[in-house]
Amino acid sequence: MRFKQFKNGSCDLEFSWKERWLIFRKGKIHFSDEGLRHFGNILVGIVSSWQHNFNEKTKRLKTPYTERKKEE
C-alpha cells in the first residue's frame, strides 16, 4: 500500500496486485495488536507530512468525529 500525494494536496492510495487480491479474497484487512500499533504510528507520521501540501483553507478544516464502538 502506498500513499501518493500531489502538490495540490490530494492523494491516491495505491495497492499492489498482491494486496488487491488479498483484500478481494478476504474482504478485509486484519491487523494484529502489534501490527495495528506500528501501522498507526507510521500513518501518523505520513499524515503530519501531508500538512505541508495542503492550502491554508484545507489546513483549517475541522473534521466531524463520530465515536465508534469497539467490537469484543
PDB file of N, CA and C in Angstrom:
ATOM      1  N   MET A   1       0.855  -1.163   0.000  1.00  0.00           N
ATOM      2  CA  MET A   1       0.000   0.000   0.000  1.00  0.00           C
ATOM      3  C   MET A   1       0.901   1.226   0.000  1.00  0.00           C
ATOM      4  N   ARG A   2       0.538   2.180  -0.822  1.00  0.00           N
ATOM      5  CA  ARG A   2       1.365   3.376  -0.953  1.00  0.00           C
ATOM      6  C   ARG A   2       0.470   4.606  -1.079  1.00  0.00           C
ATOM      7  N   PHE A   3       0.776   5.620  -0.271  1.00  0.00           N
ATOM      8  CA  PHE A   3       0.098   6.903  -0.385  1.00  0.00           C
ATOM      9  C   PHE A   3       0.915   7.768  -1.330  1.00  0.00           C
ATOM     10  N   LYS A   4       0.266   8.325  -2.341  1.00  0.00           N
ATOM     11  CA  LYS A   4       0.957   9.182  -3.299  1.00  0.00           C
ATOM     12  C   LYS A   4       0.263  10.545  -3.266  1.00  0.00           C
ATOM     13  N   GLN A   5       0.903  11.519  -2.625  1.00  0.00           N
ATOM     14  CA  GLN A   5       0.306  12.842  -2.503  1.00  0.00           C
ATOM     15  C   GLN A   5       0.815  13.751  -3.612  1.00  0.00           C
ATOM     16  N   PHE A   6      -0.085  14.602  -4.101  1.00  0.00           N
ATOM     17  CA  PHE A   6       0.229  15.530  -5.172  1.00  0.00           C
ATOM     18  C   PHE A   6       0.412  16.936  -4.613  1.00  0.00           C
ATOM     19  N   LYS A   7       0.984  17.814  -5.408  1.00  0.00           N
ATOM     20  CA  LYS A   7       1.263  19.190  -4.983  1.00  0.00           C
ATOM     21  C   LYS A   7       0.003  19.945  -4.557  1.00  0.00           C
ATOM     22  N   ASN A   8      -1.161  19.577  -5.124  1.00  0.00           N
ATOM     23  CA  ASN A   8      -2.408  20.265  -4.768  1.00  0.00           C
ATOM     24  C   ASN A   8      -3.005  19.756  -3.455  1.00  0.00           C
ATOM     25  N   GLY A   9      -2.338  18.789  -2.802  1.00  0.00           N
ATOM     26  CA  GLY A   9      -2.796  18.267  -1.527  1.00  0.00           C
ATOM     27  C   GLY A   9      -3.615  16.992  -1.628  1.00  0.00           C
ATOM     28  N   SER A  10      -4.119  16.652  -2.816  1.00  0.00           N
ATOM     29  CA  SER A  10      -4.901  15.423  -2.968  1.00  0.00           C
ATOM     30  C   SER A  10      -3.961  14.211  -2.895  1.00  0.00           C
ATOM     31  N   CYS A  11      -4.548  13.021  -2.803  1.00  0.00           N
ATOM     32  CA  CYS A  11      -3.730  11.828  -2.592  1.00  0.00           C
ATOM     33  C   CYS A  11      -4.387  10.607  -3.221  1.00  0.00           C
ATOM     34  N   ASP A  12      -3.571   9.730  -3.772  1.00  0.00           N
ATOM     35  CA  ASP A  12      -4.023   8.415  -4.223  1.00  0.00           C
ATOM     36  C   ASP A  12      -3.478   7.379  -3.252  1.00  0.00           C
ATOM     37  N   LEU A  13      -4.291   6.378  -2.930  1.00  0.00           N
ATOM     38  CA  LEU A  13      -3.849   5.239  -2.144  1.00  0.00           C
ATOM     39  C   LEU A  13      -3.736   4.079  -3.122  1.00  0.00           C
ATOM     40  N   GLU A  14      -2.525   3.631  -3.368  1.00  0.00           N
ATOM     41  CA  GLU A  14      -2.275   2.609  -4.383  1.00  0.00           C
ATOM     42  C   GLU A  14      -1.959   1.269  -3.726  1.00  0.00           C
ATOM     43  N   PHE A  15      -2.559   0.207  -4.262  1.00  0.00           N
ATOM     44  CA  PHE A  15      -2.328  -1.141  -3.760  1.00  0.00           C
ATOM     45  C   PHE A  15      -1.635  -1.972  -4.833  1.00  0.00           C
ATOM     46  N   SER A  16      -0.726  -2.863  -4.412  1.00  0.00           N
ATOM     47  CA  SER A  16      -0.089  -3.792  -5.352  1.00  0.00           C
ATOM     48  C   SER A  16      -1.129  -4.840  -5.769  1.00  0.00           C
ATOM     49  N   TRP A  17      -0.815  -5.605  -6.795  1.00  0.00           N
ATOM     50  CA  TRP A  17      -1.736  -6.660  -7.228  1.00  0.00           C
ATOM     51  C   TRP A  17      -1.937  -7.677  -6.115  1.00  0.00           C
ATOM     52  N   LYS A  18      -0.862  -8.008  -5.403  1.00  0.00           N
ATOM     53  CA  LYS A  18      -0.975  -8.966  -4.303  1.00  0.00           C
ATOM     54  C   LYS A  18      -1.901  -8.436  -3.211  1.00  0.00           C
ATOM     55  N   GLU A  19      -1.752  -7.166  -2.866  1.00  0.00           N
ATOM     56  CA  GLU A  19      -2.619  -6.555  -1.853  1.00  0.00           C
ATOM     57  C   GLU A  19      -4.072  -6.544  -2.313  1.00  0.00           C
ATOM     58  N   ARG A  20      -4.302  -6.200  -3.578  1.00  0.00           N
ATOM     59  CA  ARG A  20      -5.669  -6.198  -4.107  1.00  0.00           C
ATOM     60  C   ARG A  20      -6.287  -7.589  -4.036  1.00  0.00           C
ATOM     61  N   TRP A  21      -5.505  -8.589  -4.401  1.00  0.00           N
ATOM     62  CA  TRP A  21      -6.002  -9.960  -4.404  1.00  0.00           C
ATOM     63  C   TRP A  21      -6.352 -10.402  -2.976  1.00  0.00           C
ATOM     64  N   LEU A  22      -5.488 -10.078  -2.008  1.00  0.00           N
ATOM     65  CA  LEU A  22      -5.764 -10.448  -0.616  1.00  0.00           C
ATOM     66  C   LEU A  22      -7.030  -9.768  -0.094  1.00  0.00           C
ATOM     67  N   ILE A  23      -7.182  -8.492  -0.396  1.00  0.00           N
ATOM     68  CA  ILE A  23      -8.383  -7.767   0.045  1.00  0.00           C
ATOM     69  C   ILE A  23      -9.624  -8.357  -0.621  1.00  0.00           C
ATOM     70  N   PHE A  24      -9.524  -8.659  -1.914  1.00  0.00           N
ATOM     71  CA  PHE A  24     -10.652  -9.249  -2.638  1.00  0.00           C
ATOM     72  C   PHE A  24     -11.024 -10.603  -2.040  1.00  0.00           C
ATOM     73  N   ARG A  25     -10.017 -11.435  -1.790  1.00  0.00           N
ATOM     74  CA  ARG A  25     -10.256 -12.774  -1.255  1.00  0.00           C
ATOM     75  C   ARG A  25     -10.798 -12.746   0.164  1.00  0.00           C
ATOM     76  N   LYS A  26     -10.180 -11.961   1.021  1.00  0.00           N
ATOM     77  CA  LYS A  26     -10.554 -11.935   2.441  1.00  0.00           C
ATOM     78  C   LYS A  26     -11.706 -10.971   2.726  1.00  0.00           C
ATOM     79  N   GLY A  27     -11.828  -9.920   1.925  1.00  0.00           N
ATOM     80  CA  GLY A  27     -12.882  -8.933   2.142  1.00  0.00           C
ATOM     81  C   GLY A  27     -12.571  -7.952   3.267  1.00  0.00           C
ATOM     82  N   LYS A  28     -11.357  -7.999   3.783  1.00  0.00           N
ATOM     83  CA  LYS A  28     -10.981  -7.106   4.878  1.00  0.00           C
ATOM     84  C   LYS A  28      -9.460  -7.077   5.016  1.00  0.00           C
ATOM     85  N   ILE A  29      -9.000  -6.140   5.820  1.00  0.00           N
ATOM     86  CA  ILE A  29      -7.593  -6.096   6.211  1.00  0.00           C
ATOM     87  C   ILE A  29      -7.578  -6.278   7.723  1.00  0.00           C
ATOM     88  N   HIS A  30      -6.870  -7.270   8.207  1.00  0.00           N
ATOM     89  CA  HIS A  30      -6.791  -7.541   9.649  1.00  0.00           C
ATOM     90  C   HIS A  30      -5.407  -7.159  10.160  1.00  0.00           C
ATOM     91  N   PHE A  31      -5.381  -6.469  11.303  1.00  0.00           N
ATOM     92  CA  PHE A  31      -4.132  -6.108  11.947  1.00  0.00           C
ATOM     93  C   PHE A  31      -4.066  -6.782  13.308  1.00  0.00           C
ATOM     94  N   SER A  32      -2.943  -7.390  13.618  1.00  0.00           N
ATOM     95  CA  SER A  32      -2.716  -7.857  14.991  1.00  0.00           C
ATOM     96  C   SER A  32      -2.580  -6.621  15.872  1.00  0.00           C
ATOM     97  N   ASP A  33      -2.567  -6.802  17.187  1.00  0.00           N
ATOM     98  CA  ASP A  33      -2.422  -5.636  18.063  1.00  0.00           C
ATOM     99  C   ASP A  33      -1.105  -4.914  17.805  1.00  0.00           C
ATOM    100  N   GLU A  34      -0.039  -5.665  17.649  1.00  0.00           N
ATOM    101  CA  GLU A  34       1.270  -5.055  17.383  1.00  0.00           C
ATOM    102  C   GLU A  34       1.311  -4.431  15.990  1.00  0.00           C
ATOM    103  N   GLY A  35       0.745  -5.121  15.011  1.00  0.00           N
ATOM    104  CA  GLY A  35       0.696  -4.593  13.651  1.00  0.00           C
ATOM    105  C   GLY A  35      -0.090  -3.300  13.560  1.00  0.00           C
ATOM    106  N   LEU A  36      -1.224  -3.240  14.285  1.00  0.00           N
ATOM    107  CA  LEU A  36      -2.036  -2.023  14.295  1.00  0.00           C
ATOM    108  C   LEU A  36      -1.280  -0.877  14.943  1.00  0.00           C
ATOM    109  N   ARG A  37      -0.535  -1.177  15.993  1.00  0.00           N
ATOM    110  CA  ARG A  37       0.271  -0.152  16.662  1.00  0.00           C
ATOM    111  C   ARG A  37       1.296   0.440  15.685  1.00  0.00           C
ATOM    112  N   HIS A  38       2.012  -0.423  14.974  1.00  0.00           N
ATOM    113  CA  HIS A  38       3.011   0.052  14.011  1.00  0.00           C
ATOM    114  C   HIS A  38       2.353   0.807  12.855  1.00  0.00           C
ATOM    115  N   PHE A  39       1.247   0.268  12.330  1.00  0.00           N
ATOM    116  CA  PHE A  39       0.534   0.930  11.237  1.00  0.00           C
ATOM    117  C   PHE A  39       0.075   2.310  11.659  1.00  0.00           C
ATOM    118  N   GLY A  40      -0.496   2.410  12.857  1.00  0.00           N
ATOM    119  CA  GLY A  40      -0.959   3.700  13.373  1.00  0.00           C
ATOM    120  C   GLY A  40       0.170   4.701  13.511  1.00  0.00           C
ATOM    121  N   ASN A  41       1.304   4.262  14.043  1.00  0.00           N
ATOM    122  CA  ASN A  41       2.444   5.164  14.202  1.00  0.00           C
ATOM    123  C   ASN A  41       2.965   5.662  12.859  1.00  0.00           C
ATOM    124  N   ILE A  42       3.059   4.765  11.895  1.00  0.00           N
ATOM    125  CA  ILE A  42       3.523   5.150  10.559  1.00  0.00           C
ATOM    126  C   ILE A  42       2.519   6.102   9.917  1.00  0.00           C
ATOM    127  N   LEU A  43       1.233   5.814  10.069  1.00  0.00           N
ATOM    128  CA  LEU A  43       0.192   6.651   9.482  1.00  0.00           C
ATOM    129  C   LEU A  43       0.208   8.062  10.073  1.00  0.00           C
ATOM    130  N   VAL A  44       0.434   8.170  11.373  1.00  0.00           N
ATOM    131  CA  VAL A  44       0.515   9.495  11.998  1.00  0.00           C
ATOM    132  C   VAL A  44       1.668  10.292  11.384  1.00  0.00           C
ATOM    133  N   GLY A  45       2.805   9.648  11.159  1.00  0.00           N
ATOM    134  CA  GLY A  45       3.931  10.322  10.517  1.00  0.00           C
ATOM    135  C   GLY A  45       3.612  10.778   9.109  1.00  0.00           C
ATOM    136  N   ILE A  46       2.911   9.930   8.358  1.00  0.00           N
ATOM    137  CA  ILE A  46       2.519  10.273   6.994  1.00  0.00           C
ATOM    138  C   ILE A  46       1.554  11.452   7.001  1.00  0.00           C
ATOM    139  N   VAL A  47       0.564  11.403   7.883  1.00  0.00           N
ATOM    140  CA  VAL A  47      -0.441  12.466   7.952  1.00  0.00           C
ATOM    141  C   VAL A  47       0.212  13.806   8.284  1.00  0.00           C
ATOM    142  N   SER A  48       1.156  13.798   9.199  1.00  0.00           N
ATOM    143  CA  SER A  48       1.810  15.066   9.540  1.00  0.00           C
ATOM    144  C   SER A  48       2.585  15.626   8.354  1.00  0.00           C
ATOM    145  N   SER A  49       3.170  14.766   7.539  1.00  0.00           N
ATOM    146  CA  SER A  49       3.899  15.263   6.361  1.00  0.00           C
ATOM    147  C   SER A  49       2.950  15.782   5.277  1.00  0.00           C
ATOM    148  N   TRP A  50       1.717  15.262   5.236  1.00  0.00           N
ATOM    149  CA  TRP A  50       0.730  15.737   4.254  1.00  0.00           C
ATOM    150  C   TRP A  50       0.397  17.199   4.469  1.00  0.00           C
ATOM    151  N   GLN A  51       0.424  17.648   5.689  1.00  0.00           N
ATOM    152  CA  GLN A  51       0.018  19.014   6.014  1.00  0.00           C
ATOM    153  C   GLN A  51       0.774  20.059   5.189  1.00  0.00           C
ATOM    154  N   HIS A  52       1.990  19.760   4.807  1.00  0.00           N
ATOM    155  CA  HIS A  52       2.803  20.722   4.067  1.00  0.00           C
ATOM    156  C   HIS A  52       2.233  21.050   2.686  1.00  0.00           C
ATOM    157  N   ASN A  53       1.503  20.112   2.083  1.00  0.00           N
ATOM    158  CA  ASN A  53       0.972  20.333   0.733  1.00  0.00           C
ATOM    159  C   ASN A  53      -0.465  20.858   0.716  1.00  0.00           C
ATOM    160  N   PHE A  54      -1.119  20.953   1.876  1.00  0.00           N
ATOM    161  CA  PHE A  54      -2.473  21.484   1.905  1.00  0.00           C
ATOM    162  C   PHE A  54      -2.446  23.002   1.829  1.00  0.00           C
ATOM    163  N   ASN A  55      -3.449  23.579   1.144  1.00  0.00           N
ATOM    164  CA  ASN A  55      -3.556  25.039   1.150  1.00  0.00           C
ATOM    165  C   ASN A  55      -4.077  25.477   2.523  1.00  0.00           C
ATOM    166  N   GLU A  56      -4.023  26.766   2.804  1.00  0.00           N
ATOM    167  CA  GLU A  56      -4.375  27.268   4.137  1.00  0.00           C
ATOM    168  C   GLU A  56      -5.827  26.956   4.514  1.00  0.00           C
ATOM    169  N   LYS A  57      -6.742  27.025   3.548  1.00  0.00           N
ATOM    170  CA  LYS A  57      -8.152  26.730   3.826  1.00  0.00           C
ATOM    171  C   LYS A  57      -8.313  25.270   4.264  1.00  0.00           C
ATOM    172  N   THR A  58      -7.657  24.361   3.559  1.00  0.00           N
ATOM    173  CA  THR A  58      -7.741  22.939   3.889  1.00  0.00           C
ATOM    174  C   THR A  58      -7.100  22.661   5.244  1.00  0.00           C
ATOM    175  N   LYS A  59      -5.997  23.325   5.539  1.00  0.00           N
ATOM    176  CA  LYS A  59      -5.329  23.121   6.823  1.00  0.00           C
ATOM    177  C   LYS A  59      -6.228  23.480   8.000  1.00  0.00           C
ATOM    178  N   ARG A  60      -7.139  24.424   7.819  1.00  0.00           N
ATOM    179  CA  ARG A  60      -8.012  24.881   8.909  1.00  0.00           C
ATOM    180  C   ARG A  60      -9.326  24.105   9.015  1.00  0.00           C
ATOM    181  N   LEU A  61      -9.602  23.193   8.090  1.00  0.00           N
ATOM    182  CA  LEU A  61     -10.853  22.429   8.116  1.00  0.00           C
ATOM    183  C   LEU A  61     -10.961  21.583   9.380  1.00  0.00           C
ATOM    184  N   LYS A  62     -12.143  21.529   9.941  1.00  0.00           N
ATOM    185  CA  LYS A  62     -12.440  20.667  11.089  1.00  0.00           C
ATOM    186  C   LYS A  62     -13.200  19.448  10.583  1.00  0.00           C
ATOM    187  N   THR A  63     -12.822  18.274  11.035  1.00  0.00           N
ATOM    188  CA  THR A  63     -13.474  17.041  10.626  1.00  0.00           C
ATOM    189  C   THR A  63     -14.438  16.587  11.710  1.00  0.00           C
ATOM    190  N   PRO A  64     -15.726  16.383  11.357  1.00  0.00           N
ATOM    191  CA  PRO A  64     -16.669  15.881  12.353  1.00  0.00           C
ATOM    192  C   PRO A  64     -16.274  14.456  12.757  1.00  0.00           C
ATOM    193  N   TYR A  65     -16.381  14.151  14.029  1.00  0.00           N
ATOM    194  CA  TYR A  65     -15.970  12.839  14.526  1.00  0.00           C
ATOM    195  C   TYR A  65     -17.154  12.135  15.166  1.00  0.00           C
ATOM    196  N   THR A  66     -17.362  10.903  14.785  1.00  0.00           N
ATOM    197  CA  THR A  66     -18.394  10.071  15.399  1.00  0.00           C
ATOM    198  C   THR A  66     -17.686   8.927  16.095  1.00  0.00           C
ATOM    199  N   GLU A  67     -17.901   8.802  17.401  1.00  0.00           N
ATOM    200  CA  GLU A  67     -17.244   7.738  18.146  1.00  0.00           C
ATOM    201  C   GLU A  67     -17.799   6.385  17.728  1.00  0.00           C
ATOM    202  N   ARG A  68     -16.910   5.430  17.542  1.00  0.00           N
ATOM    203  CA  ARG A  68     -17.312   4.093  17.143  1.00  0.00           C
ATOM    204  C   ARG A  68     -17.134   3.130  18.310  1.00  0.00           C
ATOM    205  N   LYS A  69     -18.009   2.141  18.373  1.00  0.00           N
ATOM    206  CA  LYS A  69     -17.917   1.148  19.434  1.00  0.00           C
ATOM    207  C   LYS A  69     -16.878   0.096  19.058  1.00  0.00           C
ATOM    208  N   LYS A  70     -16.117  -0.342  20.069  1.00  0.00           N
ATOM    209  CA  LYS A  70     -15.158  -1.419  19.864  1.00  0.00           C
ATOM    210  C   LYS A  70     -15.897  -2.748  19.883  1.00  0.00           C
ATOM    211  N   GLU A  71     -15.521  -3.619  18.965  1.00  0.00           N
ATOM    212  CA  GLU A  71     -16.085  -4.968  18.969  1.00  0.00           C
ATOM    213  C   GLU A  71     -15.190  -5.853  19.826  1.00  0.00           C
ATOM    214  N   GLU A  72     -15.796  -6.646  20.648  1.00  0.00           N
ATOM    215  CA  GLU A  72     -15.030  -7.548  21.545  1.00  0.00           C
ATOM    216  C   GLU A  72     -14.716  -8.828  20.834  1.00  0.00           C
TER     217      GLU A  72
END
